[in-house]
PDBML (XML) file of the C-alpha atoms, coordinates in Angstrom:
<?xml version="1.0" encoding="UTF-8" ?>
<PDBx:datablock datablockName="MODEL"
   xmlns:PDBx="http://pdbml.pdb.org/schema/pdbx-v50.xsd"
   xmlns:xsi="http://www.w3.org/2001/XMLSchema-instance"
   xsi:schemaLocation="http://pdbml.pdb.org/schema/pdbx-v50.xsd pdbx-v50.xsd">
   <PDBx:atom_siteCategory>
      <PDBx:atom_site id="1">
         <PDBx:B_iso_or_equiv>0.00</PDBx:B_iso_or_equiv>
         <PDBx:Cartn_x>-5.179</PDBx:Cartn_x>
         <PDBx:Cartn_y>-70.657</PDBx:Cartn_y>
         <PDBx:Cartn_z>3.101</PDBx:Cartn_z>
         <PDBx:auth_asym_id>A</PDBx:auth_asym_id>
         <PDBx:auth_atom_id>CA</PDBx:auth_atom_id>
         <PDBx:auth_comp_id>UNK</PDBx:auth_comp_id>
         <PDBx:auth_seq_id>1</PDBx:auth_seq_id>
         <PDBx:group_PDB>ATOM</PDBx:group_PDB>
         <PDBx:label_alt_id xsi:nil="true" />
         <PDBx:label_asym_id>A</PDBx:label_asym_id>
         <PDBx:label_atom_id>CA</PDBx:label_atom_id>
         <PDBx:label_comp_id>UNK</PDBx:label_comp_id>
         <PDBx:label_entity_id>1</PDBx:label_entity_id>
         <PDBx:label_seq_id>1</PDBx:label_seq_id>
         <PDBx:occupancy>1.00</PDBx:occupancy>
         <PDBx:pdbx_PDB_model_num>1</PDBx:pdbx_PDB_model_num>
         <PDBx:type_symbol>C</PDBx:type_symbol>
      </PDBx:atom_site>
      <PDBx:atom_site id="2">
         <PDBx:B_iso_or_equiv>0.00</PDBx:B_iso_or_equiv>
         <PDBx:Cartn_x>-5.503</PDBx:Cartn_x>
         <PDBx:Cartn_y>-69.402</PDBx:Cartn_y>
         <PDBx:Cartn_z>-0.385</PDBx:Cartn_z>
         <PDBx:auth_asym_id>A</PDBx:auth_asym_id>
         <PDBx:auth_atom_id>CA</PDBx:auth_atom_id>
         <PDBx:auth_comp_id>UNK</PDBx:auth_comp_id>
         <PDBx:auth_seq_id>2</PDBx:auth_seq_id>
         <PDBx:group_PDB>ATOM</PDBx:group_PDB>
         <PDBx:label_alt_id xsi:nil="true" />
         <PDBx:label_asym_id>A</PDBx:label_asym_id>
         <PDBx:label_atom_id>CA</PDBx:label_atom_id>
         <PDBx:label_comp_id>UNK</PDBx:label_comp_id>
         <PDBx:label_entity_id>1</PDBx:label_entity_id>
         <PDBx:label_seq_id>2</PDBx:label_seq_id>
         <PDBx:occupancy>1.00</PDBx:occupancy>
         <PDBx:pdbx_PDB_model_num>1</PDBx:pdbx_PDB_model_num>
         <PDBx:type_symbol>C</PDBx:type_symbol>
      </PDBx:atom_site>
      <PDBx:atom_site id="3">
         <PDBx:B_iso_or_equiv>0.00</PDBx:B_iso_or_equiv>
         <PDBx:Cartn_x>-6.635</PDBx:Cartn_x>
         <PDBx:Cartn_y>-72.010</PDBx:Cartn_y>
         <PDBx:Cartn_z>-2.826</PDBx:Cartn_z>
         <PDBx:auth_asym_id>A</PDBx:auth_asym_id>
         <PDBx:auth_atom_id>CA</PDBx:auth_atom_id>
         <PDBx:auth_comp_id>UNK</PDBx:auth_comp_id>
         <PDBx:auth_seq_id>3</PDBx:auth_seq_id>
         <PDBx:group_PDB>ATOM</PDBx:group_PDB>
         <PDBx:label_alt_id xsi:nil="true" />
         <PDBx:label_asym_id>A</PDBx:label_asym_id>
         <PDBx:label_atom_id>CA</PDBx:label_atom_id>
         <PDBx:label_comp_id>UNK</PDBx:label_comp_id>
         <PDBx:label_entity_id>1</PDBx:label_entity_id>
         <PDBx:label_seq_id>3</PDBx:label_seq_id>
         <PDBx:occupancy>1.00</PDBx:occupancy>
         <PDBx:pdbx_PDB_model_num>1</PDBx:pdbx_PDB_model_num>
         <PDBx:type_symbol>C</PDBx:type_symbol>
      </PDBx:atom_site>
      <PDBx:atom_site id="4">
         <PDBx:B_iso_or_equiv>0.00</PDBx:B_iso_or_equiv>
         <PDBx:Cartn_x>-4.859</PDBx:Cartn_x>
         <PDBx:Cartn_y>-72.827</PDBx:Cartn_y>
         <PDBx:Cartn_z>-6.020</PDBx:Cartn_z>
         <PDBx:auth_asym_id>A</PDBx:auth_asym_id>
         <PDBx:auth_atom_id>CA</PDBx:auth_atom_id>
         <PDBx:auth_comp_id>UNK</PDBx:auth_comp_id>
         <PDBx:auth_seq_id>4</PDBx:auth_seq_id>
         <PDBx:group_PDB>ATOM</PDBx:group_PDB>
         <PDBx:label_alt_id xsi:nil="true" />
         <PDBx:label_asym_id>A</PDBx:label_asym_id>
         <PDBx:label_atom_id>CA</PDBx:label_atom_id>
         <PDBx:label_comp_id>UNK</PDBx:label_comp_id>
         <PDBx:label_entity_id>1</PDBx:label_entity_id>
         <PDBx:label_seq_id>4</PDBx:label_seq_id>
         <PDBx:occupancy>1.00</PDBx:occupancy>
         <PDBx:pdbx_PDB_model_num>1</PDBx:pdbx_PDB_model_num>
         <PDBx:type_symbol>C</PDBx:type_symbol>
      </PDBx:atom_site>
      <PDBx:atom_site id="5">
         <PDBx:B_iso_or_equiv>0.00</PDBx:B_iso_or_equiv>
         <PDBx:Cartn_x>-7.932</PDBx:Cartn_x>
         <PDBx:Cartn_y>-71.973</PDBx:Cartn_y>
         <PDBx:Cartn_z>-8.028</PDBx:Cartn_z>
         <PDBx:auth_asym_id>A</PDBx:auth_asym_id>
         <PDBx:auth_atom_id>CA</PDBx:auth_atom_id>
         <PDBx:auth_comp_id>UNK</PDBx:auth_comp_id>
         <PDBx:auth_seq_id>5</PDBx:auth_seq_id>
         <PDBx:group_PDB>ATOM</PDBx:group_PDB>
         <PDBx:label_alt_id xsi:nil="true" />
         <PDBx:label_asym_id>A</PDBx:label_asym_id>
         <PDBx:label_atom_id>CA</PDBx:label_atom_id>
         <PDBx:label_comp_id>UNK</PDBx:label_comp_id>
         <PDBx:label_entity_id>1</PDBx:label_entity_id>
         <PDBx:label_seq_id>5</PDBx:label_seq_id>
         <PDBx:occupancy>1.00</PDBx:occupancy>
         <PDBx:pdbx_PDB_model_num>1</PDBx:pdbx_PDB_model_num>
         <PDBx:type_symbol>C</PDBx:type_symbol>
      </PDBx:atom_site>
      <PDBx:atom_site id="6">
         <PDBx:B_iso_or_equiv>0.00</PDBx:B_iso_or_equiv>
         <PDBx:Cartn_x>-8.084</PDBx:Cartn_x>
         <PDBx:Cartn_y>-68.619</PDBx:Cartn_y>
         <PDBx:Cartn_z>-6.532</PDBx:Cartn_z>
         <PDBx:auth_asym_id>A</PDBx:auth_asym_id>
         <PDBx:auth_atom_id>CA</PDBx:auth_atom_id>
         <PDBx:auth_comp_id>UNK</PDBx:auth_comp_id>
         <PDBx:auth_seq_id>6</PDBx:auth_seq_id>
         <PDBx:group_PDB>ATOM</PDBx:group_PDB>
         <PDBx:label_alt_id xsi:nil="true" />
         <PDBx:label_asym_id>A</PDBx:label_asym_id>
         <PDBx:label_atom_id>CA</PDBx:label_atom_id>
         <PDBx:label_comp_id>UNK</PDBx:label_comp_id>
         <PDBx:label_entity_id>1</PDBx:label_entity_id>
         <PDBx:label_seq_id>6</PDBx:label_seq_id>
         <PDBx:occupancy>1.00</PDBx:occupancy>
         <PDBx:pdbx_PDB_model_num>1</PDBx:pdbx_PDB_model_num>
         <PDBx:type_symbol>C</PDBx:type_symbol>
      </PDBx:atom_site>
      <PDBx:atom_site id="7">
         <PDBx:B_iso_or_equiv>0.00</PDBx:B_iso_or_equiv>
         <PDBx:Cartn_x>-4.363</PDBx:Cartn_x>
         <PDBx:Cartn_y>-68.046</PDBx:Cartn_y>
         <PDBx:Cartn_z>-7.281</PDBx:Cartn_z>
         <PDBx:auth_asym_id>A</PDBx:auth_asym_id>
         <PDBx:auth_atom_id>CA</PDBx:auth_atom_id>
         <PDBx:auth_comp_id>UNK</PDBx:auth_comp_id>
         <PDBx:auth_seq_id>7</PDBx:auth_seq_id>
         <PDBx:group_PDB>ATOM</PDBx:group_PDB>
         <PDBx:label_alt_id xsi:nil="true" />
         <PDBx:label_asym_id>A</PDBx:label_asym_id>
         <PDBx:label_atom_id>CA</PDBx:label_atom_id>
         <PDBx:label_comp_id>UNK</PDBx:label_comp_id>
         <PDBx:label_entity_id>1</PDBx:label_entity_id>
         <PDBx:label_seq_id>7</PDBx:label_seq_id>
         <PDBx:occupancy>1.00</PDBx:occupancy>
         <PDBx:pdbx_PDB_model_num>1</PDBx:pdbx_PDB_model_num>
         <PDBx:type_symbol>C</PDBx:type_symbol>
      </PDBx:atom_site>
      <PDBx:atom_site id="8">
         <PDBx:B_iso_or_equiv>0.00</PDBx:B_iso_or_equiv>
         <PDBx:Cartn_x>-4.569</PDBx:Cartn_x>
         <PDBx:Cartn_y>-69.280</PDBx:Cartn_y>
         <PDBx:Cartn_z>-10.776</PDBx:Cartn_z>
         <PDBx:auth_asym_id>A</PDBx:auth_asym_id>
         <PDBx:auth_atom_id>CA</PDBx:auth_atom_id>
         <PDBx:auth_comp_id>UNK</PDBx:auth_comp_id>
         <PDBx:auth_seq_id>8</PDBx:auth_seq_id>
         <PDBx:group_PDB>ATOM</PDBx:group_PDB>
         <PDBx:label_alt_id xsi:nil="true" />
         <PDBx:label_asym_id>A</PDBx:label_asym_id>
         <PDBx:label_atom_id>CA</PDBx:label_atom_id>
         <PDBx:label_comp_id>UNK</PDBx:label_comp_id>
         <PDBx:label_entity_id>1</PDBx:label_entity_id>
         <PDBx:label_seq_id>8</PDBx:label_seq_id>
         <PDBx:occupancy>1.00</PDBx:occupancy>
         <PDBx:pdbx_PDB_model_num>1</PDBx:pdbx_PDB_model_num>
         <PDBx:type_symbol>C</PDBx:type_symbol>
      </PDBx:atom_site>
      <PDBx:atom_site id="9">
         <PDBx:B_iso_or_equiv>0.00</PDBx:B_iso_or_equiv>
         <PDBx:Cartn_x>-7.519</PDBx:Cartn_x>
         <PDBx:Cartn_y>-66.782</PDBx:Cartn_y>
         <PDBx:Cartn_z>-11.438</PDBx:Cartn_z>
         <PDBx:auth_asym_id>A</PDBx:auth_asym_id>
         <PDBx:auth_atom_id>CA</PDBx:auth_atom_id>
         <PDBx:auth_comp_id>UNK</PDBx:auth_comp_id>
         <PDBx:auth_seq_id>9</PDBx:auth_seq_id>
         <PDBx:group_PDB>ATOM</PDBx:group_PDB>
         <PDBx:label_alt_id xsi:nil="true" />
         <PDBx:label_asym_id>A</PDBx:label_asym_id>
         <PDBx:label_atom_id>CA</PDBx:label_atom_id>
         <PDBx:label_comp_id>UNK</PDBx:label_comp_id>
         <PDBx:label_entity_id>1</PDBx:label_entity_id>
         <PDBx:label_seq_id>9</PDBx:label_seq_id>
         <PDBx:occupancy>1.00</PDBx:occupancy>
         <PDBx:pdbx_PDB_model_num>1</PDBx:pdbx_PDB_model_num>
         <PDBx:type_symbol>C</PDBx:type_symbol>
      </PDBx:atom_site>
      <PDBx:atom_site id="10">
         <PDBx:B_iso_or_equiv>0.00</PDBx:B_iso_or_equiv>
         <PDBx:Cartn_x>-5.544</PDBx:Cartn_x>
         <PDBx:Cartn_y>-63.932</PDBx:Cartn_y>
         <PDBx:Cartn_z>-9.993</PDBx:Cartn_z>
         <PDBx:auth_asym_id>A</PDBx:auth_asym_id>
         <PDBx:auth_atom_id>CA</PDBx:auth_atom_id>
         <PDBx:auth_comp_id>UNK</PDBx:auth_comp_id>
         <PDBx:auth_seq_id>10</PDBx:auth_seq_id>
         <PDBx:group_PDB>ATOM</PDBx:group_PDB>
         <PDBx:label_alt_id xsi:nil="true" />
         <PDBx:label_asym_id>A</PDBx:label_asym_id>
         <PDBx:label_atom_id>CA</PDBx:label_atom_id>
         <PDBx:label_comp_id>UNK</PDBx:label_comp_id>
         <PDBx:label_entity_id>1</PDBx:label_entity_id>
         <PDBx:label_seq_id>10</PDBx:label_seq_id>
         <PDBx:occupancy>1.00</PDBx:occupancy>
         <PDBx:pdbx_PDB_model_num>1</PDBx:pdbx_PDB_model_num>
         <PDBx:type_symbol>C</PDBx:type_symbol>
      </PDBx:atom_site>
      <PDBx:atom_site id="11">
         <PDBx:B_iso_or_equiv>0.00</PDBx:B_iso_or_equiv>
         <PDBx:Cartn_x>-2.338</PDBx:Cartn_x>
         <PDBx:Cartn_y>-64.574</PDBx:Cartn_y>
         <PDBx:Cartn_z>-11.641</PDBx:Cartn_z>
         <PDBx:auth_asym_id>A</PDBx:auth_asym_id>
         <PDBx:auth_atom_id>CA</PDBx:auth_atom_id>
         <PDBx:auth_comp_id>UNK</PDBx:auth_comp_id>
         <PDBx:auth_seq_id>11</PDBx:auth_seq_id>
         <PDBx:group_PDB>ATOM</PDBx:group_PDB>
         <PDBx:label_alt_id xsi:nil="true" />
         <PDBx:label_asym_id>A</PDBx:label_asym_id>
         <PDBx:label_atom_id>CA</PDBx:label_atom_id>
         <PDBx:label_comp_id>UNK</PDBx:label_comp_id>
         <PDBx:label_entity_id>1</PDBx:label_entity_id>
         <PDBx:label_seq_id>11</PDBx:label_seq_id>
         <PDBx:occupancy>1.00</PDBx:occupancy>
         <PDBx:pdbx_PDB_model_num>1</PDBx:pdbx_PDB_model_num>
         <PDBx:type_symbol>C</PDBx:type_symbol>
      </PDBx:atom_site>
      <PDBx:atom_site id="12">
         <PDBx:B_iso_or_equiv>0.00</PDBx:B_iso_or_equiv>
         <PDBx:Cartn_x>-3.908</PDBx:Cartn_x>
         <PDBx:Cartn_y>-65.918</PDBx:Cartn_y>
         <PDBx:Cartn_z>-14.913</PDBx:Cartn_z>
         <PDBx:auth_asym_id>A</PDBx:auth_asym_id>
         <PDBx:auth_atom_id>CA</PDBx:auth_atom_id>
         <PDBx:auth_comp_id>UNK</PDBx:auth_comp_id>
         <PDBx:auth_seq_id>12</PDBx:auth_seq_id>
         <PDBx:group_PDB>ATOM</PDBx:group_PDB>
         <PDBx:label_alt_id xsi:nil="true" />
         <PDBx:label_asym_id>A</PDBx:label_asym_id>
         <PDBx:label_atom_id>CA</PDBx:label_atom_id>
         <PDBx:label_comp_id>UNK</PDBx:label_comp_id>
         <PDBx:label_entity_id>1</PDBx:label_entity_id>
         <PDBx:label_seq_id>12</PDBx:label_seq_id>
         <PDBx:occupancy>1.00</PDBx:occupancy>
         <PDBx:pdbx_PDB_model_num>1</PDBx:pdbx_PDB_model_num>
         <PDBx:type_symbol>C</PDBx:type_symbol>
      </PDBx:atom_site>
      <PDBx:atom_site id="13">
         <PDBx:B_iso_or_equiv>0.00</PDBx:B_iso_or_equiv>
         <PDBx:Cartn_x>-2.338</PDBx:Cartn_x>
         <PDBx:Cartn_y>-69.132</PDBx:Cartn_y>
         <PDBx:Cartn_z>-15.009</PDBx:Cartn_z>
         <PDBx:auth_asym_id>A</PDBx:auth_asym_id>
         <PDBx:auth_atom_id>CA</PDBx:auth_atom_id>
         <PDBx:auth_comp_id>UNK</PDBx:auth_comp_id>
         <PDBx:auth_seq_id>13</PDBx:auth_seq_id>
         <PDBx:group_PDB>ATOM</PDBx:group_PDB>
         <PDBx:label_alt_id xsi:nil="true" />
         <PDBx:label_asym_id>A</PDBx:label_asym_id>
         <PDBx:label_atom_id>CA</PDBx:label_atom_id>
         <PDBx:label_comp_id>UNK</PDBx:label_comp_id>
         <PDBx:label_entity_id>1</PDBx:label_entity_id>
         <PDBx:label_seq_id>13</PDBx:label_seq_id>
         <PDBx:occupancy>1.00</PDBx:occupancy>
         <PDBx:pdbx_PDB_model_num>1</PDBx:pdbx_PDB_model_num>
         <PDBx:type_symbol>C</PDBx:type_symbol>
      </PDBx:atom_site>
      <PDBx:atom_site id="14">
         <PDBx:B_iso_or_equiv>0.00</PDBx:B_iso_or_equiv>
         <PDBx:Cartn_x>-3.379</PDBx:Cartn_x>
         <PDBx:Cartn_y>-73.088</PDBx:Cartn_y>
         <PDBx:Cartn_z>-14.847</PDBx:Cartn_z>
         <PDBx:auth_asym_id>A</PDBx:auth_asym_id>
         <PDBx:auth_atom_id>CA</PDBx:auth_atom_id>
         <PDBx:auth_comp_id>UNK</PDBx:auth_comp_id>
         <PDBx:auth_seq_id>14</PDBx:auth_seq_id>
         <PDBx:group_PDB>ATOM</PDBx:group_PDB>
         <PDBx:label_alt_id xsi:nil="true" />
         <PDBx:label_asym_id>A</PDBx:label_asym_id>
         <PDBx:label_atom_id>CA</PDBx:label_atom_id>
         <PDBx:label_comp_id>UNK</PDBx:label_comp_id>
         <PDBx:label_entity_id>1</PDBx:label_entity_id>
         <PDBx:label_seq_id>14</PDBx:label_seq_id>
         <PDBx:occupancy>1.00</PDBx:occupancy>
         <PDBx:pdbx_PDB_model_num>1</PDBx:pdbx_PDB_model_num>
         <PDBx:type_symbol>C</PDBx:type_symbol>
      </PDBx:atom_site>
      <PDBx:atom_site id="15">
         <PDBx:B_iso_or_equiv>0.00</PDBx:B_iso_or_equiv>
         <PDBx:Cartn_x>-3.623</PDBx:Cartn_x>
         <PDBx:Cartn_y>-74.411</PDBx:Cartn_y>
         <PDBx:Cartn_z>-11.511</PDBx:Cartn_z>
         <PDBx:auth_asym_id>A</PDBx:auth_asym_id>
         <PDBx:auth_atom_id>CA</PDBx:auth_atom_id>
         <PDBx:auth_comp_id>UNK</PDBx:auth_comp_id>
         <PDBx:auth_seq_id>15</PDBx:auth_seq_id>
         <PDBx:group_PDB>ATOM</PDBx:group_PDB>
         <PDBx:label_alt_id xsi:nil="true" />
         <PDBx:label_asym_id>A</PDBx:label_asym_id>
         <PDBx:label_atom_id>CA</PDBx:label_atom_id>
         <PDBx:label_comp_id>UNK</PDBx:label_comp_id>
         <PDBx:label_entity_id>1</PDBx:label_entity_id>
         <PDBx:label_seq_id>15</PDBx:label_seq_id>
         <PDBx:occupancy>1.00</PDBx:occupancy>
         <PDBx:pdbx_PDB_model_num>1</PDBx:pdbx_PDB_model_num>
         <PDBx:type_symbol>C</PDBx:type_symbol>
      </PDBx:atom_site>
      <PDBx:atom_site id="16">
         <PDBx:B_iso_or_equiv>0.00</PDBx:B_iso_or_equiv>
         <PDBx:Cartn_x>-0.815</PDBx:Cartn_x>
         <PDBx:Cartn_y>-76.907</PDBx:Cartn_y>
         <PDBx:Cartn_z>-12.388</PDBx:Cartn_z>
         <PDBx:auth_asym_id>A</PDBx:auth_asym_id>
         <PDBx:auth_atom_id>CA</PDBx:auth_atom_id>
         <PDBx:auth_comp_id>UNK</PDBx:auth_comp_id>
         <PDBx:auth_seq_id>16</PDBx:auth_seq_id>
         <PDBx:group_PDB>ATOM</PDBx:group_PDB>
         <PDBx:label_alt_id xsi:nil="true" />
         <PDBx:label_asym_id>A</PDBx:label_asym_id>
         <PDBx:label_atom_id>CA</PDBx:label_atom_id>
         <PDBx:label_comp_id>UNK</PDBx:label_comp_id>
         <PDBx:label_entity_id>1</PDBx:label_entity_id>
         <PDBx:label_seq_id>16</PDBx:label_seq_id>
         <PDBx:occupancy>1.00</PDBx:occupancy>
         <PDBx:pdbx_PDB_model_num>1</PDBx:pdbx_PDB_model_num>
         <PDBx:type_symbol>C</PDBx:type_symbol>
      </PDBx:atom_site>
      <PDBx:atom_site id="17">
         <PDBx:B_iso_or_equiv>0.00</PDBx:B_iso_or_equiv>
         <PDBx:Cartn_x>1.649</PDBx:Cartn_x>
         <PDBx:Cartn_y>-73.994</PDBx:Cartn_y>
         <PDBx:Cartn_z>-12.919</PDBx:Cartn_z>
         <PDBx:auth_asym_id>A</PDBx:auth_asym_id>
         <PDBx:auth_atom_id>CA</PDBx:auth_atom_id>
         <PDBx:auth_comp_id>UNK</PDBx:auth_comp_id>
         <PDBx:auth_seq_id>17</PDBx:auth_seq_id>
         <PDBx:group_PDB>ATOM</PDBx:group_PDB>
         <PDBx:label_alt_id xsi:nil="true" />
         <PDBx:label_asym_id>A</PDBx:label_asym_id>
         <PDBx:label_atom_id>CA</PDBx:label_atom_id>
         <PDBx:label_comp_id>UNK</PDBx:label_comp_id>
         <PDBx:label_entity_id>1</PDBx:label_entity_id>
         <PDBx:label_seq_id>17</PDBx:label_seq_id>
         <PDBx:occupancy>1.00</PDBx:occupancy>
         <PDBx:pdbx_PDB_model_num>1</PDBx:pdbx_PDB_model_num>
         <PDBx:type_symbol>C</PDBx:type_symbol>
      </PDBx:atom_site>
      <PDBx:atom_site id="18">
         <PDBx:B_iso_or_equiv>0.00</PDBx:B_iso_or_equiv>
         <PDBx:Cartn_x>0.648</PDBx:Cartn_x>
         <PDBx:Cartn_y>-72.988</PDBx:Cartn_y>
         <PDBx:Cartn_z>-9.480</PDBx:Cartn_z>
         <PDBx:auth_asym_id>A</PDBx:auth_asym_id>
         <PDBx:auth_atom_id>CA</PDBx:auth_atom_id>
         <PDBx:auth_comp_id>UNK</PDBx:auth_comp_id>
         <PDBx:auth_seq_id>18</PDBx:auth_seq_id>
         <PDBx:group_PDB>ATOM</PDBx:group_PDB>
         <PDBx:label_alt_id xsi:nil="true" />
         <PDBx:label_asym_id>A</PDBx:label_asym_id>
         <PDBx:label_atom_id>CA</PDBx:label_atom_id>
         <PDBx:label_comp_id>UNK</PDBx:label_comp_id>
         <PDBx:label_entity_id>1</PDBx:label_entity_id>
         <PDBx:label_seq_id>18</PDBx:label_seq_id>
         <PDBx:occupancy>1.00</PDBx:occupancy>
         <PDBx:pdbx_PDB_model_num>1</PDBx:pdbx_PDB_model_num>
         <PDBx:type_symbol>C</PDBx:type_symbol>
      </PDBx:atom_site>
      <PDBx:atom_site id="19">
         <PDBx:B_iso_or_equiv>0.00</PDBx:B_iso_or_equiv>
         <PDBx:Cartn_x>1.405</PDBx:Cartn_x>
         <PDBx:Cartn_y>-76.084</PDBx:Cartn_y>
         <PDBx:Cartn_z>-7.878</PDBx:Cartn_z>
         <PDBx:auth_asym_id>A</PDBx:auth_asym_id>
         <PDBx:auth_atom_id>CA</PDBx:auth_atom_id>
         <PDBx:auth_comp_id>UNK</PDBx:auth_comp_id>
         <PDBx:auth_seq_id>19</PDBx:auth_seq_id>
         <PDBx:group_PDB>ATOM</PDBx:group_PDB>
         <PDBx:label_alt_id xsi:nil="true" />
         <PDBx:label_asym_id>A</PDBx:label_asym_id>
         <PDBx:label_atom_id>CA</PDBx:label_atom_id>
         <PDBx:label_comp_id>UNK</PDBx:label_comp_id>
         <PDBx:label_entity_id>1</PDBx:label_entity_id>
         <PDBx:label_seq_id>19</PDBx:label_seq_id>
         <PDBx:occupancy>1.00</PDBx:occupancy>
         <PDBx:pdbx_PDB_model_num>1</PDBx:pdbx_PDB_model_num>
         <PDBx:type_symbol>C</PDBx:type_symbol>
      </PDBx:atom_site>
      <PDBx:atom_site id="20">
         <PDBx:B_iso_or_equiv>0.00</PDBx:B_iso_or_equiv>
         <PDBx:Cartn_x>4.871</PDBx:Cartn_x>
         <PDBx:Cartn_y>-76.149</PDBx:Cartn_y>
         <PDBx:Cartn_z>-9.815</PDBx:Cartn_z>
         <PDBx:auth_asym_id>A</PDBx:auth_asym_id>
         <PDBx:auth_atom_id>CA</PDBx:auth_atom_id>
         <PDBx:auth_comp_id>UNK</PDBx:auth_comp_id>
         <PDBx:auth_seq_id>20</PDBx:auth_seq_id>
         <PDBx:group_PDB>ATOM</PDBx:group_PDB>
         <PDBx:label_alt_id xsi:nil="true" />
         <PDBx:label_asym_id>A</PDBx:label_asym_id>
         <PDBx:label_atom_id>CA</PDBx:label_atom_id>
         <PDBx:label_comp_id>UNK</PDBx:label_comp_id>
         <PDBx:label_entity_id>1</PDBx:label_entity_id>
         <PDBx:label_seq_id>20</PDBx:label_seq_id>
         <PDBx:occupancy>1.00</PDBx:occupancy>
         <PDBx:pdbx_PDB_model_num>1</PDBx:pdbx_PDB_model_num>
         <PDBx:type_symbol>C</PDBx:type_symbol>
      </PDBx:atom_site>
      <PDBx:atom_site id="21">
         <PDBx:B_iso_or_equiv>0.00</PDBx:B_iso_or_equiv>
         <PDBx:Cartn_x>5.486</PDBx:Cartn_x>
         <PDBx:Cartn_y>-72.657</PDBx:Cartn_y>
         <PDBx:Cartn_z>-8.330</PDBx:Cartn_z>
         <PDBx:auth_asym_id>A</PDBx:auth_asym_id>
         <PDBx:auth_atom_id>CA</PDBx:auth_atom_id>
         <PDBx:auth_comp_id>UNK</PDBx:auth_comp_id>
         <PDBx:auth_seq_id>21</PDBx:auth_seq_id>
         <PDBx:group_PDB>ATOM</PDBx:group_PDB>
         <PDBx:label_alt_id xsi:nil="true" />
         <PDBx:label_asym_id>A</PDBx:label_asym_id>
         <PDBx:label_atom_id>CA</PDBx:label_atom_id>
         <PDBx:label_comp_id>UNK</PDBx:label_comp_id>
         <PDBx:label_entity_id>1</PDBx:label_entity_id>
         <PDBx:label_seq_id>21</PDBx:label_seq_id>
         <PDBx:occupancy>1.00</PDBx:occupancy>
         <PDBx:pdbx_PDB_model_num>1</PDBx:pdbx_PDB_model_num>
         <PDBx:type_symbol>C</PDBx:type_symbol>
      </PDBx:atom_site>
      <PDBx:atom_site id="22">
         <PDBx:B_iso_or_equiv>0.00</PDBx:B_iso_or_equiv>
         <PDBx:Cartn_x>4.431</PDBx:Cartn_x>
         <PDBx:Cartn_y>-74.115</PDBx:Cartn_y>
         <PDBx:Cartn_z>-4.958</PDBx:Cartn_z>
         <PDBx:auth_asym_id>A</PDBx:auth_asym_id>
         <PDBx:auth_atom_id>CA</PDBx:auth_atom_id>
         <PDBx:auth_comp_id>UNK</PDBx:auth_comp_id>
         <PDBx:auth_seq_id>22</PDBx:auth_seq_id>
         <PDBx:group_PDB>ATOM</PDBx:group_PDB>
         <PDBx:label_alt_id xsi:nil="true" />
         <PDBx:label_asym_id>A</PDBx:label_asym_id>
         <PDBx:label_atom_id>CA</PDBx:label_atom_id>
         <PDBx:label_comp_id>UNK</PDBx:label_comp_id>
         <PDBx:label_entity_id>1</PDBx:label_entity_id>
         <PDBx:label_seq_id>22</PDBx:label_seq_id>
         <PDBx:occupancy>1.00</PDBx:occupancy>
         <PDBx:pdbx_PDB_model_num>1</PDBx:pdbx_PDB_model_num>
         <PDBx:type_symbol>C</PDBx:type_symbol>
      </PDBx:atom_site>
      <PDBx:atom_site id="23">
         <PDBx:B_iso_or_equiv>0.00</PDBx:B_iso_or_equiv>
         <PDBx:Cartn_x>6.766</PDBx:Cartn_x>
         <PDBx:Cartn_y>-77.234</PDBx:Cartn_y>
         <PDBx:Cartn_z>-5.356</PDBx:Cartn_z>
         <PDBx:auth_asym_id>A</PDBx:auth_asym_id>
         <PDBx:auth_atom_id>CA</PDBx:auth_atom_id>
         <PDBx:auth_comp_id>UNK</PDBx:auth_comp_id>
         <PDBx:auth_seq_id>23</PDBx:auth_seq_id>
         <PDBx:group_PDB>ATOM</PDBx:group_PDB>
         <PDBx:label_alt_id xsi:nil="true" />
         <PDBx:label_asym_id>A</PDBx:label_asym_id>
         <PDBx:label_atom_id>CA</PDBx:label_atom_id>
         <PDBx:label_comp_id>UNK</PDBx:label_comp_id>
         <PDBx:label_entity_id>1</PDBx:label_entity_id>
         <PDBx:label_seq_id>23</PDBx:label_seq_id>
         <PDBx:occupancy>1.00</PDBx:occupancy>
         <PDBx:pdbx_PDB_model_num>1</PDBx:pdbx_PDB_model_num>
         <PDBx:type_symbol>C</PDBx:type_symbol>
      </PDBx:atom_site>
      <PDBx:atom_site id="24">
         <PDBx:B_iso_or_equiv>0.00</PDBx:B_iso_or_equiv>
         <PDBx:Cartn_x>9.795</PDBx:Cartn_x>
         <PDBx:Cartn_y>-74.951</PDBx:Cartn_y>
         <PDBx:Cartn_z>-6.420</PDBx:Cartn_z>
         <PDBx:auth_asym_id>A</PDBx:auth_asym_id>
         <PDBx:auth_atom_id>CA</PDBx:auth_atom_id>
         <PDBx:auth_comp_id>UNK</PDBx:auth_comp_id>
         <PDBx:auth_seq_id>24</PDBx:auth_seq_id>
         <PDBx:group_PDB>ATOM</PDBx:group_PDB>
         <PDBx:label_alt_id xsi:nil="true" />
         <PDBx:label_asym_id>A</PDBx:label_asym_id>
         <PDBx:label_atom_id>CA</PDBx:label_atom_id>
         <PDBx:label_comp_id>UNK</PDBx:label_comp_id>
         <PDBx:label_entity_id>1</PDBx:label_entity_id>
         <PDBx:label_seq_id>24</PDBx:label_seq_id>
         <PDBx:occupancy>1.00</PDBx:occupancy>
         <PDBx:pdbx_PDB_model_num>1</PDBx:pdbx_PDB_model_num>
         <PDBx:type_symbol>C</PDBx:type_symbol>
      </PDBx:atom_site>
      <PDBx:atom_site id="25">
         <PDBx:B_iso_or_equiv>0.00</PDBx:B_iso_or_equiv>
         <PDBx:Cartn_x>9.156</PDBx:Cartn_x>
         <PDBx:Cartn_y>-72.795</PDBx:Cartn_y>
         <PDBx:Cartn_z>-3.375</PDBx:Cartn_z>
         <PDBx:auth_asym_id>A</PDBx:auth_asym_id>
         <PDBx:auth_atom_id>CA</PDBx:auth_atom_id>
         <PDBx:auth_comp_id>UNK</PDBx:auth_comp_id>
         <PDBx:auth_seq_id>25</PDBx:auth_seq_id>
         <PDBx:group_PDB>ATOM</PDBx:group_PDB>
         <PDBx:label_alt_id xsi:nil="true" />
         <PDBx:label_asym_id>A</PDBx:label_asym_id>
         <PDBx:label_atom_id>CA</PDBx:label_atom_id>
         <PDBx:label_comp_id>UNK</PDBx:label_comp_id>
         <PDBx:label_entity_id>1</PDBx:label_entity_id>
         <PDBx:label_seq_id>25</PDBx:label_seq_id>
         <PDBx:occupancy>1.00</PDBx:occupancy>
         <PDBx:pdbx_PDB_model_num>1</PDBx:pdbx_PDB_model_num>
         <PDBx:type_symbol>C</PDBx:type_symbol>
      </PDBx:atom_site>
   </PDBx:atom_siteCategory>
</PDBx:datablock>
């Protein structure tokens, strides 16, 4: 698993934005 915090840092976005992207997928 990849954490939302790690992905948010890598992509330079908020964890909420990562969560929304996960929901869209």
